[in-house]
């Protein structure tokens, strides 16, 4: 493995969840392609990208900054899930699965951030 982020559990979890989000948005109405489905996909990918980018920083403080961005993007995904559920684009089972997985990811990011201090 050539890059530090490849070995991080938190990065691998975020990558898996990015793929989960991709699967979820397939069921969204076509007219949401440039709205909610685009927003939630970008937020999910942002988590992955911020963790990767932060891992190449020169200090733990720099990495912490990017982990905070990743955490905010993860929370944005959760907010998008609420919108999708409210608009009946996803059912309760899909919502709860994704919500639970993102809750775990947020805890992982927070724990990892604290370990850098």
PDB file of N, CA and C in Angstrom:
ATOM      1  N   UNK A   1       0.843  -1.181   0.000  1.00  0.00           N
ATOM      2  CA  UNK A   1       0.000   0.000   0.000  1.00  0.00           C
ATOM      3  C   UNK A   1       0.888   1.245   0.000  1.00  0.00           C
ATOM      4  N   UNK A   2       0.636   2.081  -0.938  1.00  0.00           N
ATOM      5  CA  UNK A   2       1.499   3.239  -1.136  1.00  0.00           C
ATOM      6  C   UNK A   2       1.106   4.450  -0.300  1.00  0.00           C
ATOM      7  N   UNK A   3      -0.133   4.531   0.109  1.00  0.00           N
ATOM      8  CA  UNK A   3      -0.609   5.712   0.815  1.00  0.00           C
ATOM      9  C   UNK A   3      -1.076   5.363   2.222  1.00  0.00           C
ATOM     10  N   UNK A   4      -0.807   6.258   3.144  1.00  0.00           N
ATOM     11  CA  UNK A   4      -1.142   6.043   4.556  1.00  0.00           C
ATOM     12  C   UNK A   4      -2.629   5.772   4.757  1.00  0.00           C
ATOM     13  N   UNK A   5      -3.478   6.507   4.047  1.00  0.00           N
ATOM     14  CA  UNK A   5      -4.918   6.389   4.272  1.00  0.00           C
ATOM     15  C   UNK A   5      -5.450   4.995   3.967  1.00  0.00           C
ATOM     16  N   UNK A   6      -4.784   4.262   3.090  1.00  0.00           N
ATOM     17  CA  UNK A   6      -5.259   2.926   2.711  1.00  0.00           C
ATOM     18  C   UNK A   6      -5.311   1.965   3.887  1.00  0.00           C
ATOM     19  N   UNK A   7      -4.504   2.213   4.901  1.00  0.00           N
ATOM     20  CA  UNK A   7      -4.452   1.324   6.061  1.00  0.00           C
ATOM     21  C   UNK A   7      -5.393   1.754   7.179  1.00  0.00           C
ATOM     22  N   UNK A   8      -6.026   2.886   7.031  1.00  0.00           N
ATOM     23  CA  UNK A   8      -6.889   3.421   8.094  1.00  0.00           C
ATOM     24  C   UNK A   8      -8.277   2.797   8.039  1.00  0.00           C
ATOM     25  N   UNK A   9      -8.711   2.223   9.159  1.00  0.00           N
ATOM     26  CA  UNK A   9     -10.054   1.634   9.231  1.00  0.00           C
ATOM     27  C   UNK A   9     -11.128   2.672   8.940  1.00  0.00           C
ATOM     28  N   UNK A  10     -10.928   3.873   9.452  1.00  0.00           N
ATOM     29  CA  UNK A  10     -11.919   4.927   9.276  1.00  0.00           C
ATOM     30  C   UNK A  10     -12.063   5.291   7.790  1.00  0.00           C
ATOM     31  N   UNK A  11     -10.968   5.273   7.058  1.00  0.00           N
ATOM     32  CA  UNK A  11     -11.035   5.568   5.634  1.00  0.00           C
ATOM     33  C   UNK A  11     -11.750   4.439   4.891  1.00  0.00           C
ATOM     34  N   UNK A  12     -11.404   3.195   5.208  1.00  0.00           N
ATOM     35  CA  UNK A  12     -12.048   2.054   4.558  1.00  0.00           C
ATOM     36  C   UNK A  12     -13.543   2.009   4.836  1.00  0.00           C
ATOM     37  N   UNK A  13     -13.938   2.332   6.066  1.00  0.00           N
ATOM     38  CA  UNK A  13     -15.362   2.383   6.420  1.00  0.00           C
ATOM     39  C   UNK A  13     -16.066   3.471   5.602  1.00  0.00           C
ATOM     40  N   UNK A  14     -15.433   4.634   5.497  1.00  0.00           N
ATOM     41  CA  UNK A  14     -16.054   5.726   4.746  1.00  0.00           C
ATOM     42  C   UNK A  14     -16.176   5.374   3.264  1.00  0.00           C
ATOM     43  N   UNK A  15     -15.212   4.658   2.731  1.00  0.00           N
ATOM     44  CA  UNK A  15     -15.276   4.231   1.332  1.00  0.00           C
ATOM     45  C   UNK A  15     -16.438   3.255   1.125  1.00  0.00           C
ATOM     46  N   UNK A  16     -16.586   2.305   2.027  1.00  0.00           N
ATOM     47  CA  UNK A  16     -17.708   1.365   1.947  1.00  0.00           C
ATOM     48  C   UNK A  16     -19.051   2.096   2.007  1.00  0.00           C
ATOM     49  N   UNK A  17     -19.140   3.094   2.877  1.00  0.00           N
ATOM     50  CA  UNK A  17     -20.398   3.827   3.015  1.00  0.00           C
ATOM     51  C   UNK A  17     -20.675   4.721   1.813  1.00  0.00           C
ATOM     52  N   UNK A  18     -19.636   5.188   1.180  1.00  0.00           N
ATOM     53  CA  UNK A  18     -19.824   5.946  -0.051  1.00  0.00           C
ATOM     54  C   UNK A  18     -20.489   5.068  -1.114  1.00  0.00           C
ATOM     55  N   UNK A  19     -20.079   3.826  -1.163  1.00  0.00           N
ATOM     56  CA  UNK A  19     -20.703   2.880  -2.100  1.00  0.00           C
ATOM     57  C   UNK A  19     -22.142   2.566  -1.706  1.00  0.00           C
ATOM     58  N   UNK A  20     -22.403   2.485  -0.394  1.00  0.00           N
ATOM     59  CA  UNK A  20     -23.771   2.270   0.082  1.00  0.00           C
ATOM     60  C   UNK A  20     -24.673   3.424  -0.356  1.00  0.00           C
ATOM     61  N   UNK A  21     -24.181   4.641  -0.199  1.00  0.00           N
ATOM     62  CA  UNK A  21     -24.962   5.816  -0.622  1.00  0.00           C
ATOM     63  C   UNK A  21     -25.238   5.750  -2.125  1.00  0.00           C
ATOM     64  N   UNK A  22     -24.249   5.359  -2.894  1.00  0.00           N
ATOM     65  CA  UNK A  22     -24.440   5.227  -4.340  1.00  0.00           C
ATOM     66  C   UNK A  22     -25.574   4.255  -4.653  1.00  0.00           C
ATOM     67  N   UNK A  23     -25.632   3.153  -3.926  1.00  0.00           N
ATOM     68  CA  UNK A  23     -26.701   2.176  -4.126  1.00  0.00           C
ATOM     69  C   UNK A  23     -28.058   2.762  -3.730  1.00  0.00           C
ATOM     70  N   UNK A  24     -28.079   3.525  -2.654  1.00  0.00           N
ATOM     71  CA  UNK A  24     -29.330   4.102  -2.166  1.00  0.00           C
ATOM     72  C   UNK A  24     -29.921   5.088  -3.173  1.00  0.00           C
ATOM     73  N   UNK A  25     -29.097   5.955  -3.745  1.00  0.00           N
ATOM     74  CA  UNK A  25     -29.634   7.013  -4.616  1.00  0.00           C
ATOM     75  C   UNK A  25     -30.169   6.479  -5.942  1.00  0.00           C
ATOM     76  N   UNK A  26     -29.824   5.265  -6.275  1.00  0.00           N
ATOM     77  CA  UNK A  26     -30.365   4.674  -7.504  1.00  0.00           C
ATOM     78  C   UNK A  26     -31.892   4.638  -7.471  1.00  0.00           C
ATOM     79  N   UNK A  27     -32.450   4.510  -6.263  1.00  0.00           N
ATOM     80  CA  UNK A  27     -33.906   4.431  -6.137  1.00  0.00           C
ATOM     81  C   UNK A  27     -34.580   5.807  -6.089  1.00  0.00           C
ATOM     82  N   UNK A  28     -33.801   6.875  -6.038  1.00  0.00           N
ATOM     83  CA  UNK A  28     -34.386   8.217  -5.996  1.00  0.00           C
ATOM     84  C   UNK A  28     -35.046   8.539  -7.340  1.00  0.00           C
ATOM     85  N   UNK A  29     -36.054   9.388  -7.328  1.00  0.00           N
ATOM     86  CA  UNK A  29     -36.680   9.796  -8.592  1.00  0.00           C
ATOM     87  C   UNK A  29     -35.661  10.470  -9.513  1.00  0.00           C
ATOM     88  N   UNK A  30     -35.868  10.317 -10.788  1.00  0.00           N
ATOM     89  CA  UNK A  30     -34.937  10.872 -11.772  1.00  0.00           C
ATOM     90  C   UNK A  30     -34.779  12.391 -11.623  1.00  0.00           C
ATOM     91  N   UNK A  31     -35.867  13.083 -11.274  1.00  0.00           N
ATOM     92  CA  UNK A  31     -35.786  14.549 -11.164  1.00  0.00           C
ATOM     93  C   UNK A  31     -34.910  15.009 -10.002  1.00  0.00           C
ATOM     94  N   UNK A  32     -34.488  14.102  -9.141  1.00  0.00           N
ATOM     95  CA  UNK A  32     -33.586  14.450  -8.034  1.00  0.00           C
ATOM     96  C   UNK A  32     -32.108  14.287  -8.403  1.00  0.00           C
ATOM     97  N   UNK A  33     -31.829  13.885  -9.633  1.00  0.00           N
ATOM     98  CA  UNK A  33     -30.450  13.586 -10.015  1.00  0.00           C
ATOM     99  C   UNK A  33     -29.501  14.770  -9.787  1.00  0.00           C
ATOM    100  N   UNK A  34     -29.976  15.984  -9.997  1.00  0.00           N
ATOM    101  CA  UNK A  34     -29.120  17.156  -9.809  1.00  0.00           C
ATOM    102  C   UNK A  34     -29.371  17.856  -8.482  1.00  0.00           C
ATOM    103  N   UNK A  35     -30.208  17.260  -7.664  1.00  0.00           N
ATOM    104  CA  UNK A  35     -30.512  17.865  -6.367  1.00  0.00           C
ATOM    105  C   UNK A  35     -30.039  16.953  -5.242  1.00  0.00           C
ATOM    106  N   UNK A  36     -30.973  16.296  -4.600  1.00  0.00           N
ATOM    107  CA  UNK A  36     -30.646  15.514  -3.409  1.00  0.00           C
ATOM    108  C   UNK A  36     -29.688  14.358  -3.692  1.00  0.00           C
ATOM    109  N   UNK A  37     -29.887  13.635  -4.776  1.00  0.00           N
ATOM    110  CA  UNK A  37     -28.999  12.500  -5.047  1.00  0.00           C
ATOM    111  C   UNK A  37     -27.569  12.979  -5.293  1.00  0.00           C
ATOM    112  N   UNK A  38     -27.412  14.082  -5.976  1.00  0.00           N
ATOM    113  CA  UNK A  38     -26.086  14.647  -6.196  1.00  0.00           C
ATOM    114  C   UNK A  38     -25.466  15.123  -4.880  1.00  0.00           C
ATOM    115  N   UNK A  39     -26.270  15.780  -4.066  1.00  0.00           N
ATOM    116  CA  UNK A  39     -25.780  16.319  -2.795  1.00  0.00           C
ATOM    117  C   UNK A  39     -25.311  15.215  -1.845  1.00  0.00           C
ATOM    118  N   UNK A  40     -26.091  14.176  -1.699  1.00  0.00           N
ATOM    119  CA  UNK A  40     -25.725  13.110  -0.769  1.00  0.00           C
ATOM    120  C   UNK A  40     -24.506  12.328  -1.280  1.00  0.00           C
ATOM    121  N   UNK A  41     -24.409  12.135  -2.592  1.00  0.00           N
ATOM    122  CA  UNK A  41     -23.234  11.450  -3.144  1.00  0.00           C
ATOM    123  C   UNK A  41     -21.967  12.274  -2.938  1.00  0.00           C
ATOM    124  N   UNK A  42     -22.060  13.572  -3.170  1.00  0.00           N
ATOM    125  CA  UNK A  42     -20.896  14.434  -2.977  1.00  0.00           C
ATOM    126  C   UNK A  42     -20.471  14.481  -1.517  1.00  0.00           C
ATOM    127  N   UNK A  43     -21.443  14.520  -0.607  1.00  0.00           N
ATOM    128  CA  UNK A  43     -21.128  14.533   0.826  1.00  0.00           C
ATOM    129  C   UNK A  43     -20.458  13.224   1.242  1.00  0.00           C
ATOM    130  N   UNK A  44     -20.982  12.097   0.766  1.00  0.00           N
ATOM    131  CA  UNK A  44     -20.394  10.795   1.105  1.00  0.00           C
ATOM    132  C   UNK A  44     -18.969  10.680   0.561  1.00  0.00           C
ATOM    133  N   UNK A  45     -18.779  11.142  -0.659  1.00  0.00           N
ATOM    134  CA  UNK A  45     -17.430  11.115  -1.242  1.00  0.00           C
ATOM    135  C   UNK A  45     -16.500  12.078  -0.526  1.00  0.00           C
ATOM    136  N   UNK A  46     -17.022  13.179  -0.056  1.00  0.00           N
ATOM    137  CA  UNK A  46     -16.220  14.171   0.660  1.00  0.00           C
ATOM    138  C   UNK A  46     -15.621  13.591   1.939  1.00  0.00           C
ATOM    139  N   UNK A  47     -16.354  12.734   2.604  1.00  0.00           N
ATOM    140  CA  UNK A  47     -15.821  12.073   3.810  1.00  0.00           C
ATOM    141  C   UNK A  47     -14.565  11.303   3.443  1.00  0.00           C
ATOM    142  N   UNK A  48     -14.665  10.489   2.414  1.00  0.00           N
ATOM    143  CA  UNK A  48     -13.548   9.664   1.954  1.00  0.00           C
ATOM    144  C   UNK A  48     -12.360  10.539   1.566  1.00  0.00           C
ATOM    145  N   UNK A  49     -12.645  11.560   0.788  1.00  0.00           N
ATOM    146  CA  UNK A  49     -11.578  12.415   0.262  1.00  0.00           C
ATOM    147  C   UNK A  49     -10.888  13.238   1.341  1.00  0.00           C
ATOM    148  N   UNK A  50     -11.644  13.728   2.302  1.00  0.00           N
ATOM    149  CA  UNK A  50     -11.034  14.523   3.368  1.00  0.00           C
ATOM    150  C   UNK A  50     -10.133  13.684   4.275  1.00  0.00           C
ATOM    151  N   UNK A  51     -10.550  12.470   4.547  1.00  0.00           N
ATOM    152  CA  UNK A  51      -9.692  11.595   5.358  1.00  0.00           C
ATOM    153  C   UNK A  51      -8.395  11.305   4.605  1.00  0.00           C
ATOM    154  N   UNK A  52      -8.509  11.005   3.324  1.00  0.00           N
ATOM    155  CA  UNK A  52      -7.316  10.735   2.516  1.00  0.00           C
ATOM    156  C   UNK A  52      -6.414  11.962   2.448  1.00  0.00           C
ATOM    157  N   UNK A  53      -6.995  13.101   2.149  1.00  0.00           N
ATOM    158  CA  UNK A  53      -6.199  14.324   2.025  1.00  0.00           C
ATOM    159  C   UNK A  53      -5.527  14.696   3.340  1.00  0.00           C
ATOM    160  N   UNK A  54      -6.246  14.573   4.429  1.00  0.00           N
ATOM    161  CA  UNK A  54      -5.683  14.908   5.735  1.00  0.00           C
ATOM    162  C   UNK A  54      -4.545  14.004   6.141  1.00  0.00           C
ATOM    163  N   UNK A  55      -4.598  12.758   5.703  1.00  0.00           N
ATOM    164  CA  UNK A  55      -3.558  11.807   6.091  1.00  0.00           C
ATOM    165  C   UNK A  55      -2.201  12.139   5.484  1.00  0.00           C
ATOM    166  N   UNK A  56      -2.194  12.938   4.456  1.00  0.00           N
ATOM    167  CA  UNK A  56      -0.936  13.312   3.807  1.00  0.00           C
ATOM    168  C   UNK A  56      -0.383  14.628   4.333  1.00  0.00           C
ATOM    169  N   UNK A  57      -1.050  15.197   5.341  1.00  0.00           N
ATOM    170  CA  UNK A  57      -0.595  16.460   5.909  1.00  0.00           C
ATOM    171  C   UNK A  57       0.713  16.311   6.662  1.00  0.00           C
ATOM    172  N   UNK A  58       1.245  17.430   7.032  1.00  0.00           N
ATOM    173  CA  UNK A  58       2.540  17.437   7.690  1.00  0.00           C
ATOM    174  C   UNK A  58       2.446  17.400   9.204  1.00  0.00           C
ATOM    175  N   UNK A  59       1.236  17.483   9.746  1.00  0.00           N
ATOM    176  CA  UNK A  59       1.103  17.481  11.202  1.00  0.00           C
ATOM    177  C   UNK A  59      -0.223  16.858  11.615  1.00  0.00           C
ATOM    178  N   UNK A  60      -0.301  16.480  12.884  1.00  0.00           N
ATOM    179  CA  UNK A  60      -1.560  15.961  13.418  1.00  0.00           C
ATOM    180  C   UNK A  60      -2.633  17.048  13.449  1.00  0.00           C
ATOM    181  N   UNK A  61      -2.222  18.284  13.680  1.00  0.00           N
ATOM    182  CA  UNK A  61      -3.183  19.397  13.680  1.00  0.00           C
ATOM    183  C   UNK A  61      -3.838  19.538  12.304  1.00  0.00           C
ATOM    184  N   UNK A  62      -3.044  19.380  11.268  1.00  0.00           N
ATOM    185  CA  UNK A  62      -3.564  19.451   9.899  1.00  0.00           C
ATOM    186  C   UNK A  62      -4.521  18.288   9.634  1.00  0.00           C
ATOM    187  N   UNK A  63      -4.143  17.100  10.061  1.00  0.00           N
ATOM    188  CA  UNK A  63      -4.988  15.929   9.886  1.00  0.00           C
ATOM    189  C   UNK A  63      -6.303  16.112  10.647  1.00  0.00           C
ATOM    190  N   UNK A  64      -6.212  16.636  11.857  1.00  0.00           N
ATOM    191  CA  UNK A  64      -7.407  16.890  12.668  1.00  0.00           C
ATOM    192  C   UNK A  64      -8.372  17.810  11.937  1.00  0.00           C
ATOM    193  N   UNK A  65      -7.846  18.837  11.299  1.00  0.00           N
ATOM    194  CA  UNK A  65      -8.688  19.786  10.554  1.00  0.00           C
ATOM    195  C   UNK A  65      -9.472  19.050   9.464  1.00  0.00           C
ATOM    196  N   UNK A  66      -8.806  18.172   8.732  1.00  0.00           N
ATOM    197  CA  UNK A  66      -9.485  17.437   7.668  1.00  0.00           C
ATOM    198  C   UNK A  66     -10.462  16.400   8.217  1.00  0.00           C
ATOM    199  N   UNK A  67     -10.151  15.819   9.368  1.00  0.00           N
ATOM    200  CA  UNK A  67     -11.095  14.888   9.992  1.00  0.00           C
ATOM    201  C   UNK A  67     -12.365  15.620  10.407  1.00  0.00           C
ATOM    202  N   UNK A  68     -12.231  16.851  10.833  1.00  0.00           N
ATOM    203  CA  UNK A  68     -13.423  17.646  11.183  1.00  0.00           C
ATOM    204  C   UNK A  68     -14.265  17.935   9.948  1.00  0.00           C
ATOM    205  N   UNK A  69     -13.612  18.201   8.823  1.00  0.00           N
ATOM    206  CA  UNK A  69     -14.357  18.364   7.565  1.00  0.00           C
ATOM    207  C   UNK A  69     -15.089  17.067   7.217  1.00  0.00           C
ATOM    208  N   UNK A  70     -14.387  15.948   7.382  1.00  0.00           N
ATOM    209  CA  UNK A  70     -14.993  14.645   7.084  1.00  0.00           C
ATOM    210  C   UNK A  70     -16.215  14.403   7.969  1.00  0.00           C
ATOM    211  N   UNK A  71     -16.092  14.749   9.238  1.00  0.00           N
ATOM    212  CA  UNK A  71     -17.206  14.570  10.171  1.00  0.00           C
ATOM    213  C   UNK A  71     -18.401  15.416   9.746  1.00  0.00           C
ATOM    214  N   UNK A  72     -18.147  16.647   9.363  1.00  0.00           N
ATOM    215  CA  UNK A  72     -19.244  17.513   8.907  1.00  0.00           C
ATOM    216  C   UNK A  72     -19.928  16.939   7.669  1.00  0.00           C
ATOM    217  N   UNK A  73     -19.143  16.408   6.766  1.00  0.00           N
ATOM    218  CA  UNK A  73     -19.723  15.799   5.566  1.00  0.00           C
ATOM    219  C   UNK A  73     -20.534  14.559   5.906  1.00  0.00           C
ATOM    220  N   UNK A  74     -20.074  13.786   6.878  1.00  0.00           N
ATOM    221  CA  UNK A  74     -20.830  12.600   7.307  1.00  0.00           C
ATOM    222  C   UNK A  74     -22.178  13.006   7.897  1.00  0.00           C
ATOM    223  N   UNK A  75     -22.180  14.073   8.671  1.00  0.00           N
ATOM    224  CA  UNK A  75     -23.437  14.572   9.238  1.00  0.00           C
ATOM    225  C   UNK A  75     -24.344  15.097   8.126  1.00  0.00           C
ATOM    226  N   UNK A  76     -23.749  15.682   7.100  1.00  0.00           N
ATOM    227  CA  UNK A  76     -24.532  16.129   5.944  1.00  0.00           C
ATOM    228  C   UNK A  76     -25.215  14.943   5.264  1.00  0.00           C
ATOM    229  N   UNK A  77     -24.526  13.824   5.156  1.00  0.00           N
ATOM    230  CA  UNK A  77     -25.129  12.615   4.594  1.00  0.00           C
ATOM    231  C   UNK A  77     -26.347  12.212   5.418  1.00  0.00           C
ATOM    232  N   UNK A  78     -26.200  12.236   6.729  1.00  0.00           N
ATOM    233  CA  UNK A  78     -27.317  11.862   7.611  1.00  0.00           C
ATOM    234  C   UNK A  78     -28.501  12.805   7.405  1.00  0.00           C
ATOM    235  N   UNK A  79     -28.229  14.084   7.293  1.00  0.00           N
ATOM    236  CA  UNK A  79     -29.313  15.046   7.050  1.00  0.00           C
ATOM    237  C   UNK A  79     -30.006  14.750   5.714  1.00  0.00           C
ATOM    238  N   UNK A  80     -29.227  14.415   4.709  1.00  0.00           N
ATOM    239  CA  UNK A  80     -29.799  14.044   3.409  1.00  0.00           C
ATOM    240  C   UNK A  80     -30.651  12.778   3.519  1.00  0.00           C
ATOM    241  N   UNK A  81     -30.219  11.844   4.353  1.00  0.00           N
ATOM    242  CA  UNK A  81     -31.010  10.627   4.565  1.00  0.00           C
ATOM    243  C   UNK A  81     -32.366  10.962   5.174  1.00  0.00           C
ATOM    244  N   UNK A  82     -32.378  11.900   6.116  1.00  0.00           N
ATOM    245  CA  UNK A  82     -33.644  12.331   6.705  1.00  0.00           C
ATOM    246  C   UNK A  82     -34.556  12.936   5.636  1.00  0.00           C
ATOM    247  N   UNK A  83     -33.998  13.760   4.777  1.00  0.00           N
ATOM    248  CA  UNK A  83     -34.785  14.367   3.701  1.00  0.00           C
ATOM    249  C   UNK A  83     -35.342  13.280   2.783  1.00  0.00           C
ATOM    250  N   UNK A  84     -34.489  12.335   2.409  1.00  0.00           N
ATOM    251  CA  UNK A  84     -34.926  11.248   1.520  1.00  0.00           C
ATOM    252  C   UNK A  84     -36.036  10.420   2.155  1.00  0.00           C
ATOM    253  N   UNK A  85     -35.920  10.192   3.454  1.00  0.00           N
ATOM    254  CA  UNK A  85     -36.965   9.424   4.150  1.00  0.00           C
ATOM    255  C   UNK A  85     -38.267  10.227   4.210  1.00  0.00           C
ATOM    256  N   UNK A  86     -38.145  11.498   4.518  1.00  0.00           N
ATOM    257  CA  UNK A  86     -39.328  12.365   4.618  1.00  0.00           C
ATOM    258  C   UNK A  86     -40.055  12.469   3.275  1.00  0.00           C
ATOM    259  N   UNK A  87     -39.284  12.476   2.193  1.00  0.00           N
ATOM    260  CA  UNK A  87     -39.874  12.553   0.853  1.00  0.00           C
ATOM    261  C   UNK A  87     -40.278  11.175   0.319  1.00  0.00           C
ATOM    262  N   UNK A  88     -40.094  10.151   1.143  1.00  0.00           N
ATOM    263  CA  UNK A  88     -40.457   8.766   0.810  1.00  0.00           C
ATOM    264  C   UNK A  88     -39.643   8.209  -0.357  1.00  0.00           C
ATOM    265  N   UNK A  89     -38.395   8.652  -0.486  1.00  0.00           N
ATOM    266  CA  UNK A  89     -37.494   8.089  -1.490  1.00  0.00           C
ATOM    267  C   UNK A  89     -36.848   6.798  -0.979  1.00  0.00           C
ATOM    268  N   UNK A  90     -36.763   6.687   0.343  1.00  0.00           N
ATOM    269  CA  UNK A  90     -36.229   5.472   0.962  1.00  0.00           C
ATOM    270  C   UNK A  90     -37.178   5.039   2.073  1.00  0.00           C
ATOM    271  N   UNK A  91     -37.168   3.755   2.353  1.00  0.00           N
ATOM    272  CA  UNK A  91     -38.022   3.253   3.432  1.00  0.00           C
ATOM    273  C   UNK A  91     -37.261   3.279   4.761  1.00  0.00           C
ATOM    274  N   UNK A  92     -37.963   2.950   5.809  1.00  0.00           N
ATOM    275  CA  UNK A  92     -37.396   2.998   7.156  1.00  0.00           C
ATOM    276  C   UNK A  92     -36.228   2.030   7.321  1.00  0.00           C
ATOM    277  N   UNK A  93     -36.307   0.886   6.710  1.00  0.00           N
ATOM    278  CA  UNK A  93     -35.232  -0.111   6.840  1.00  0.00           C
ATOM    279  C   UNK A  93     -33.927   0.405   6.234  1.00  0.00           C
ATOM    280  N   UNK A  94     -34.010   0.944   5.036  1.00  0.00           N
ATOM    281  CA  UNK A  94     -32.815   1.506   4.387  1.00  0.00           C
ATOM    282  C   UNK A  94     -32.293   2.691   5.184  1.00  0.00           C
ATOM    283  N   UNK A  95     -33.196   3.562   5.623  1.00  0.00           N
ATOM    284  CA  UNK A  95     -32.793   4.719   6.419  1.00  0.00           C
ATOM    285  C   UNK A  95     -32.045   4.280   7.678  1.00  0.00           C
ATOM    286  N   UNK A  96     -32.623   3.355   8.419  1.00  0.00           N
ATOM    287  CA  UNK A  96     -32.016   2.929   9.684  1.00  0.00           C
ATOM    288  C   UNK A  96     -30.664   2.259   9.480  1.00  0.00           C
ATOM    289  N   UNK A  97     -30.528   1.488   8.417  1.00  0.00           N
ATOM    290  CA  UNK A  97     -29.232   0.848   8.128  1.00  0.00           C
ATOM    291  C   UNK A  97     -28.173   1.912   7.851  1.00  0.00           C
ATOM    292  N   UNK A  98     -28.474   2.826   6.961  1.00  0.00           N
ATOM    293  CA  UNK A  98     -27.508   3.872   6.609  1.00  0.00           C
ATOM    294  C   UNK A  98     -27.241   4.795   7.798  1.00  0.00           C
ATOM    295  N   UNK A  99     -28.283   5.153   8.522  1.00  0.00           N
ATOM    296  CA  UNK A  99     -28.136   6.016   9.695  1.00  0.00           C
ATOM    297  C   UNK A  99     -27.200   5.366  10.713  1.00  0.00           C
ATOM    298  N   UNK A 100     -27.429   4.110  11.010  1.00  0.00           N
ATOM    299  CA  UNK A 100     -26.606   3.384  11.983  1.00  0.00           C
ATOM    300  C   UNK A 100     -25.152   3.315  11.524  1.00  0.00           C
ATOM    301  N   UNK A 101     -24.939   3.030  10.257  1.00  0.00           N
ATOM    302  CA  UNK A 101     -23.572   2.945   9.730  1.00  0.00           C
ATOM    303  C   UNK A 101     -22.863   4.304   9.792  1.00  0.00           C
ATOM    304  N   UNK A 102     -23.579   5.366   9.502  1.00  0.00           N
ATOM    305  CA  UNK A 102     -22.965   6.701   9.591  1.00  0.00           C
ATOM    306  C   UNK A 102     -22.757   7.138  11.036  1.00  0.00           C
ATOM    307  N   UNK A 103     -23.607   6.683  11.926  1.00  0.00           N
ATOM    308  CA  UNK A 103     -23.395   6.956  13.348  1.00  0.00           C
ATOM    309  C   UNK A 103     -22.094   6.288  13.810  1.00  0.00           C
ATOM    310  N   UNK A 104     -21.879   5.063  13.390  1.00  0.00           N
ATOM    311  CA  UNK A 104     -20.641   4.348  13.716  1.00  0.00           C
ATOM    312  C   UNK A 104     -19.443   5.092  13.126  1.00  0.00           C
ATOM    313  N   UNK A 105     -19.560   5.503  11.862  1.00  0.00           N
ATOM    314  CA  UNK A 105     -18.465   6.221  11.214  1.00  0.00           C
ATOM    315  C   UNK A 105     -18.148   7.522  11.944  1.00  0.00           C
ATOM    316  N   UNK A 106     -19.147   8.265  12.340  1.00  0.00           N
ATOM    317  CA  UNK A 106     -18.916   9.524  13.058  1.00  0.00           C
ATOM    318  C   UNK A 106     -18.171   9.278  14.367  1.00  0.00           C
ATOM    319  N   UNK A 107     -18.539   8.229  15.053  1.00  0.00           N
ATOM    320  CA  UNK A 107     -17.830   7.872  16.289  1.00  0.00           C
ATOM    321  C   UNK A 107     -16.387   7.482  16.001  1.00  0.00           C
ATOM    322  N   UNK A 108     -16.177   6.765  14.905  1.00  0.00           N
ATOM    323  CA  UNK A 108     -14.815   6.375  14.522  1.00  0.00           C
ATOM    324  C   UNK A 108     -13.960   7.600  14.208  1.00  0.00           C
ATOM    325  N   UNK A 109     -14.530   8.531  13.468  1.00  0.00           N
ATOM    326  CA  UNK A 109     -13.797   9.753  13.121  1.00  0.00           C
ATOM    327  C   UNK A 109     -13.445  10.530  14.376  1.00  0.00           C
ATOM    328  N   UNK A 110     -14.409  10.679  15.278  1.00  0.00           N
ATOM    329  CA  UNK A 110     -14.185  11.417  16.521  1.00  0.00           C
ATOM    330  C   UNK A 110     -13.115  10.747  17.373  1.00  0.00           C
ATOM    331  N   UNK A 111     -13.195   9.446  17.499  1.00  0.00           N
ATOM    332  CA  UNK A 111     -12.202   8.703  18.288  1.00  0.00           C
ATOM    333  C   UNK A 111     -10.816   8.825  17.661  1.00  0.00           C
ATOM    334  N   UNK A 112     -10.759   8.714  16.346  1.00  0.00           N
ATOM    335  CA  UNK A 112      -9.487   8.818  15.651  1.00  0.00           C
ATOM    336  C   UNK A 112      -8.898  10.229  15.823  1.00  0.00           C
ATOM    337  N   UNK A 113      -9.751  11.220  15.703  1.00  0.00           N
ATOM    338  CA  UNK A 113      -9.301  12.612  15.901  1.00  0.00           C
ATOM    339  C   UNK A 113      -8.702  12.796  17.295  1.00  0.00           C
ATOM    340  N   UNK A 114      -9.374  12.273  18.296  1.00  0.00           N
ATOM    341  CA  UNK A 114      -8.875  12.398  19.682  1.00  0.00           C
ATOM    342  C   UNK A 114      -7.546  11.680  19.872  1.00  0.00           C
ATOM    343  N   UNK A 115      -7.334  10.611  19.125  1.00  0.00           N
ATOM    344  CA  UNK A 115      -6.083   9.869  19.260  1.00  0.00           C
ATOM    345  C   UNK A 115      -4.890  10.638  18.690  1.00  0.00           C
ATOM    346  N   UNK A 116      -5.161  11.623  17.856  1.00  0.00           N
ATOM    347  CA  UNK A 116      -4.089  12.417  17.254  1.00  0.00           C
ATOM    348  C   UNK A 116      -3.568  13.513  18.178  1.00  0.00           C
ATOM    349  N   UNK A 117      -4.315  13.783  19.254  1.00  0.00           N
ATOM    350  CA  UNK A 117      -3.910  14.874  20.159  1.00  0.00           C
ATOM    351  C   UNK A 117      -2.854  14.435  21.126  1.00  0.00           C
TER     352      UNK A 117
END
